[in-house]
Amino acid sequence: MIIGLTGTYAAGKGTVAEYLIGKGFQYYSLSDELRLLLREKGIPATRDNLTSAGNQLRKKYGPAFLAELAIKRLRGAPSVASAVVDSIRNPGEIAALREFKDFYMVSVDAPVDIRYGRARKRNSERDPKSFSEFLVQEKREMAGKETDQQLAACIKAADFTVTNDLDYKKLYKEIERVLGEIKMKIASAAIAAKK
């Protein structure tokens, strides 16, 4: 099973990924692919630089470019039973990953005030410093040109949604619900294939 993660800014995608890693999933990140490419060029991995580089690479090499890098790593890994692919921000990336028969897209979301509070608490260099900056950045990432970030389209294309609006206990319960539904779909598909 391969789970792709998308969702709104500071919704908790990283926390979902950490939980899945704890359950034995191998981790792949499209943002990490970008960080490697920026590091090779000596460019700091700021949020603006990551966004700009991702948009430029998708424009030059196609909307699925970053997913194709992750797919090469997935195929090169010894016996991947379960994997999570984080930081999916363009529908082309989803389309490329859907070539895996047991790929499922999961969107992570939370109310905007909760997400802004998390970003402020985290206080990393990449996080917006004001609520208005947070909203401007989010709007820019939600809908862009064909090769830009299009989070709204990715969220719409998700097979499942996890709402992270309370505490870890509720979040983990949501993840387990989604995993249970995915396992049922995989089992049903296996039974149908035998008929």
Protein backbone atom coordinates (compact mmCIF):
# COMPACT_ATOMS: atom_id res chain seq x y z
CA MET A 1 0.00 0.00 0.00
CA ILE A 2 1.25 3.47 -0.89
CA ILE A 3 -0.34 6.50 0.71
CA GLY A 4 0.08 9.94 -0.80
CA LEU A 5 -0.31 12.97 1.47
CA THR A 6 -1.58 16.40 0.53
CA GLY A 7 -3.48 19.08 2.39
CA THR A 8 -3.54 22.57 3.73
CA TYR A 9 -0.58 24.36 5.29
CA ALA A 10 0.18 23.32 8.90
CA ALA A 11 -2.69 20.81 8.89
CA GLY A 12 -0.46 18.05 10.27
CA LYS A 13 0.73 16.11 7.22
CA GLY A 14 4.12 15.60 8.87
CA THR A 15 2.45 14.20 11.99
CA VAL A 16 0.41 11.79 9.86
CA ALA A 17 3.61 10.73 8.06
CA GLU A 18 5.41 10.17 11.40
CA TYR A 19 2.56 7.98 12.61
CA LEU A 20 2.70 5.90 9.44
CA ILE A 21 6.50 5.59 9.71
CA GLY A 22 5.95 4.25 13.23
CA LYS A 23 3.71 1.59 11.68
CA GLY A 24 6.50 0.50 9.32
CA PHE A 25 5.82 2.68 6.28
CA GLN A 26 8.85 3.85 4.31
CA TYR A 27 8.91 7.63 3.88
CA TYR A 28 9.36 9.61 0.66
CA SER A 29 8.90 13.36 0.30
CA LEU A 30 8.58 15.46 -2.84
CA SER A 31 9.80 18.43 -0.78
CA ASP A 32 12.91 16.44 0.18
CA GLU A 33 13.57 15.87 -3.54
CA LEU A 34 13.44 19.66 -3.98
CA ARG A 35 15.70 20.25 -0.96
CA LEU A 36 18.33 17.93 -2.46
CA LEU A 37 18.21 19.76 -5.78
CA LEU A 38 18.46 23.18 -4.07
CA ARG A 39 21.36 22.00 -1.88
CA GLU A 40 23.27 20.90 -5.00
CA LYS A 41 22.92 24.45 -6.33
CA GLY A 42 23.76 26.09 -2.98
CA ILE A 43 20.29 27.66 -2.67
CA PRO A 44 18.72 27.91 0.81
CA ALA A 45 15.61 25.74 1.21
CA THR A 46 13.23 28.53 2.21
CA ARG A 47 9.51 28.04 1.58
CA ASP A 48 9.58 30.58 -1.27
CA ASN A 49 12.64 28.89 -2.84
CA LEU A 50 11.02 25.45 -2.55
CA THR A 51 7.78 26.70 -4.11
CA SER A 52 9.58 28.53 -6.91
CA ALA A 53 11.91 25.62 -7.68
CA GLY A 54 9.03 23.12 -7.69
CA ASN A 55 7.01 25.29 -10.07
CA GLN A 56 10.02 25.81 -12.37
CA LEU A 57 10.90 22.10 -12.45
CA ARG A 58 7.31 21.07 -13.18
CA LYS A 59 7.17 23.71 -15.95
CA LYS A 60 10.44 22.48 -17.50
CA TYR A 61 10.00 18.71 -17.07
CA GLY A 62 6.23 18.25 -16.67
CA PRO A 63 3.72 18.29 -13.81
CA ALA A 64 4.73 14.79 -12.61
CA PHE A 65 8.48 15.47 -12.40
CA LEU A 66 8.85 15.43 -8.59
CA ALA A 67 6.64 12.34 -8.27
CA GLU A 68 8.74 10.60 -10.91
CA LEU A 69 11.84 11.18 -8.76
CA ALA A 70 10.07 9.61 -5.77
CA ILE A 71 8.81 6.74 -7.94
CA LYS A 72 12.42 5.94 -8.95
CA ARG A 73 13.33 5.76 -5.26
CA LEU A 74 10.28 3.60 -4.50
CA ARG A 75 11.16 1.18 -7.28
CA GLY A 76 14.80 1.12 -6.19
CA ALA A 77 13.97 0.31 -2.57
CA PRO A 78 14.19 -3.34 -1.55
CA SER A 79 10.70 -4.85 -1.10
CA VAL A 80 8.55 -1.85 -0.24
CA ALA A 81 5.38 -3.25 1.35
CA SER A 82 4.04 0.07 2.61
CA ALA A 83 5.15 3.61 1.82
CA VAL A 84 3.99 7.16 2.42
CA VAL A 85 4.71 9.88 -0.15
CA ASP A 86 4.47 13.34 1.40
CA SER A 87 4.22 16.87 -0.02
CA ILE A 88 2.06 16.19 -3.09
CA ARG A 89 1.05 19.58 -4.49
CA ASN A 90 0.11 19.07 -8.15
CA PRO A 91 -2.48 16.78 -9.81
CA GLY A 92 0.20 15.56 -12.23
CA GLU A 93 2.06 14.10 -9.26
CA ILE A 94 -1.08 12.24 -8.19
CA ALA A 95 -1.61 10.90 -11.72
CA ALA A 96 1.95 9.53 -11.83
CA LEU A 97 1.61 7.84 -8.44
CA ARG A 98 -1.73 6.29 -9.38
CA GLU A 99 0.20 3.88 -11.62
CA PHE A 100 0.71 1.87 -8.42
CA LYS A 101 -2.42 -0.26 -8.03
CA ASP A 102 -2.53 0.11 -4.24
CA PHE A 103 -1.97 3.90 -4.19
CA TYR A 104 -4.40 5.98 -2.14
CA MET A 105 -4.45 9.75 -1.79
CA VAL A 106 -5.11 11.23 1.67
CA SER A 107 -5.80 14.88 2.36
CA VAL A 108 -5.10 16.35 5.80
CA ASP A 109 -7.00 19.44 6.92
CA ALA A 110 -7.86 21.55 9.94
CA PRO A 111 -9.61 24.90 10.48
CA VAL A 112 -7.48 27.88 9.44
CA ASP A 113 -7.22 29.36 12.95
CA ILE A 114 -5.87 26.08 14.33
CA ARG A 115 -3.38 25.76 11.46
CA TYR A 116 -2.14 29.33 11.91
CA GLY A 117 -1.71 28.69 15.65
CA ARG A 118 0.38 25.61 14.88
CA ALA A 119 2.54 27.54 12.44
CA ARG A 120 3.11 30.30 15.03
CA LYS A 121 3.96 27.74 17.72
CA ARG A 122 6.35 25.92 15.39
CA ASN A 123 7.92 29.27 14.46
CA SER A 124 10.29 27.92 11.82
CA GLU A 125 11.99 30.17 9.27
CA ARG A 126 9.57 28.91 6.62
CA ASP A 127 6.41 29.86 8.53
CA PRO A 128 4.53 33.13 7.87
CA LYS A 129 4.91 35.73 10.60
CA SER A 130 1.37 37.16 10.47
CA PHE A 131 -2.13 35.84 9.85
CA SER A 132 -2.49 37.95 6.71
CA GLU A 133 0.83 36.59 5.37
CA PHE A 134 -0.40 33.07 6.20
CA LEU A 135 -3.59 33.63 4.18
CA VAL A 136 -1.74 35.17 1.21
CA GLN A 137 0.70 32.25 1.10
CA GLU A 138 -2.08 29.70 1.34
CA LYS A 139 -4.09 31.37 -1.44
CA ARG A 140 -1.01 31.31 -3.69
CA GLU A 141 -0.49 27.58 -3.06
CA MET A 142 -4.13 26.55 -3.49
CA ALA A 143 -4.58 27.29 -7.19
CA GLY A 144 -1.93 27.99 -9.79
CA LYS A 145 -1.18 27.29 -13.41
CA GLU A 146 -0.95 23.74 -14.74
CA THR A 147 2.61 23.21 -13.48
CA ASP A 148 2.31 25.29 -10.28
CA GLN A 149 1.13 24.20 -6.87
CA GLN A 150 -2.56 23.33 -7.00
CA LEU A 151 -3.43 22.18 -3.50
CA ALA A 152 -7.18 22.70 -3.97
CA ALA A 153 -7.19 20.27 -6.94
CA CYS A 154 -5.05 17.76 -5.00
CA ILE A 155 -7.37 17.93 -2.00
CA LYS A 156 -10.36 17.38 -4.31
CA ALA A 157 -8.64 14.34 -5.85
CA ALA A 158 -8.03 12.69 -2.46
CA ASP A 159 -9.57 9.30 -1.78
CA PHE A 160 -9.80 10.06 1.94
CA THR A 161 -9.72 13.11 4.21
CA VAL A 162 -8.26 13.22 7.71
CA THR A 163 -9.42 16.08 9.90
CA ASN A 164 -6.79 17.12 12.44
CA ASP A 165 -8.70 19.60 14.59
CA LEU A 166 -8.22 18.33 18.12
CA ASP A 167 -5.46 16.20 19.65
CA TYR A 168 -3.14 13.35 18.72
CA LYS A 169 -5.55 10.72 20.04
CA LYS A 170 -8.29 11.86 17.64
CA LEU A 171 -5.82 12.22 14.77
CA TYR A 172 -4.45 8.71 15.24
CA LYS A 173 -8.00 7.35 15.37
CA GLU A 174 -8.72 9.12 12.05
CA ILE A 175 -5.58 7.61 10.49
CA GLU A 176 -6.55 4.13 11.69
CA ARG A 177 -10.03 4.62 10.21
CA VAL A 178 -8.49 5.47 6.83
CA LEU A 179 -6.03 2.55 7.02
CA GLY A 180 -8.91 0.20 7.81
CA GLU A 181 -10.90 1.45 4.81
CA ILE A 182 -7.87 1.12 2.53
CA LYS A 183 -7.24 -2.46 3.70
CA MET A 184 -10.90 -3.30 2.99
CA LYS A 185 -10.60 -1.83 -0.55
CA ILE A 186 -7.41 -3.82 -1.19
CA ALA A 187 -9.02 -7.03 0.09
CA SER A 188 -12.15 -6.45 -2.02
CA ALA A 189 -10.04 -5.82 -5.13
CA ALA A 190 -8.06 -9.03 -4.47
CA ILE A 191 -11.28 -11.05 -4.14
CA ALA A 192 -12.71 -9.49 -7.32
CA ALA A 193 -9.48 -10.29 -9.21
CA LYS A 194 -9.79 -14.01 -8.28
CA LYS A 195 -13.31 -14.27 -9.74
